[in-house]
Amino acid sequence: LHFQFVMQVGIAGVPADVTMKKTKIIEDNWIPTWEEEFTFPLTVPELALLRVEVHEYDMSETDDFAGQTCLPITELKQGIRAVPLYDRKGEKYNSVRLLMRFDFI
């Protein structure tokens, strides 16, 4: 089997902060690595959530949902973090993590 994945990263919050960005599509090599950087200027960080969705990319149909997480911006700590992913029902995947680096400027 051959899979491709794409990730959407964005902010949920007040209308001025809401945004969603998409990564490039990558091949699944058991350790998918996007190595992309996104900057989100915020007007009300106290109400902002970092929203992450991973999808299996499908050229012929809509992308298949693979996992998601939402993290309150005020609870994020600077540095590299292992972020868990959840299924559609909100149940945490046992052995799936995204390694993400957070910088605050």
Protein backbone atom coordinates (compact mmCIF):
# COMPACT_ATOMS: atom_id res chain seq x y z
CA LEU A 1 0.00 0.00 0.00
CA HIS A 2 1.09 3.52 -0.76
CA PHE A 3 -0.18 6.52 1.20
CA GLN A 4 0.34 10.27 1.05
CA PHE A 5 -0.40 12.64 3.91
CA VAL A 6 -1.15 16.33 4.28
CA MET A 7 -1.50 18.34 7.47
CA GLN A 8 -3.64 21.41 8.12
CA VAL A 9 -2.50 23.76 10.88
CA GLY A 10 -4.40 26.78 12.03
CA ILE A 11 -6.01 28.86 14.72
CA ALA A 12 -9.55 28.68 16.07
CA GLY A 13 -10.59 31.70 18.11
CA VAL A 14 -11.93 35.20 17.60
CA PRO A 15 -12.73 36.00 13.93
CA ALA A 16 -9.59 38.13 13.49
CA ASP A 17 -7.37 35.17 14.50
CA VAL A 18 -9.10 32.34 12.61
CA THR A 19 -6.93 30.85 9.87
CA MET A 20 -5.98 27.47 8.41
CA LYS A 21 -2.83 26.62 6.42
CA LYS A 22 -1.97 23.43 4.57
CA THR A 23 1.40 21.67 4.38
CA LYS A 24 2.85 20.09 1.28
CA ILE A 25 1.78 16.52 0.51
CA ILE A 26 4.30 13.93 1.62
CA GLU A 27 4.82 10.24 0.99
CA ASP A 28 4.26 7.92 3.95
CA ASN A 29 7.66 6.50 4.79
CA TRP A 30 6.61 5.46 8.34
CA ILE A 31 8.17 8.65 9.69
CA PRO A 32 6.43 11.47 7.82
CA THR A 33 8.34 14.74 8.11
CA TRP A 34 6.92 18.05 6.91
CA GLU A 35 9.62 20.43 8.20
CA GLU A 36 7.44 23.46 7.51
CA GLU A 37 7.09 26.58 9.60
CA PHE A 38 3.92 28.61 10.15
CA THR A 39 3.50 31.94 11.92
CA PHE A 40 0.19 32.97 13.45
CA PRO A 41 -0.07 36.58 14.69
CA LEU A 42 -2.82 36.67 17.33
CA THR A 43 -5.03 39.49 18.56
CA VAL A 44 -6.60 37.51 21.46
CA PRO A 45 -4.26 34.62 22.39
CA GLU A 46 -6.32 33.88 25.53
CA LEU A 47 -9.15 32.56 23.31
CA ALA A 48 -6.98 30.93 20.61
CA LEU A 49 -6.61 27.20 19.99
CA LEU A 50 -3.94 25.65 17.78
CA ARG A 51 -5.84 23.30 15.50
CA VAL A 52 -4.01 20.43 13.77
CA GLU A 53 -5.57 17.94 11.36
CA VAL A 54 -3.82 15.14 9.47
CA HIS A 55 -5.42 13.73 6.33
CA GLU A 56 -4.58 10.90 3.98
CA TYR A 57 -4.32 12.68 0.63
CA ASP A 58 -6.53 11.34 -2.14
CA MET A 59 -6.31 12.88 -5.63
CA SER A 60 -9.61 11.46 -6.88
CA GLU A 61 -11.85 12.10 -3.86
CA THR A 62 -11.89 14.13 -0.68
CA ASP A 63 -8.99 13.52 1.68
CA ASP A 64 -9.55 10.90 4.38
CA PHE A 65 -9.36 12.08 7.98
CA ALA A 66 -6.41 10.55 9.88
CA GLY A 67 -6.26 12.46 13.19
CA GLN A 68 -6.61 15.81 14.95
CA THR A 69 -5.79 17.80 18.04
CA CYS A 70 -6.64 21.22 19.48
CA LEU A 71 -4.30 22.89 21.97
CA PRO A 72 -4.95 26.12 23.91
CA ILE A 73 -2.26 28.61 22.90
CA THR A 74 -1.87 29.83 26.50
CA GLU A 75 -0.92 26.29 27.62
CA LEU A 76 1.77 25.70 24.99
CA LYS A 77 5.38 25.79 26.11
CA GLN A 78 8.31 26.83 23.98
CA GLY A 79 10.44 24.04 22.54
CA ILE A 80 9.91 20.63 20.96
CA ARG A 81 6.83 18.75 22.12
CA ALA A 82 5.24 15.36 21.36
CA VAL A 83 1.63 16.21 20.52
CA PRO A 84 -0.97 13.40 20.66
CA LEU A 85 -3.54 12.90 17.91
CA TYR A 86 -7.20 11.97 18.40
CA ASP A 87 -9.71 10.17 16.19
CA ARG A 88 -13.08 11.58 15.09
CA LYS A 89 -14.69 10.50 18.36
CA GLY A 90 -12.06 12.31 20.43
CA GLU A 91 -10.26 9.14 21.55
CA LYS A 92 -6.48 9.41 21.72
CA TYR A 93 -4.41 7.22 19.41
CA ASN A 94 -2.13 5.18 21.64
CA SER A 95 1.06 5.24 19.59
CA VAL A 96 0.71 8.31 17.37
CA ARG A 97 2.42 11.62 18.15
CA LEU A 98 3.43 14.66 16.15
CA LEU A 99 6.80 16.12 17.05
CA MET A 100 6.28 19.89 16.89
CA ARG A 101 8.47 22.86 17.77
CA PHE A 102 6.85 25.95 19.27
CA ASP A 103 8.49 29.39 19.31
CA PHE A 104 6.84 32.51 20.68
CA ILE A 105 7.99 35.92 19.46
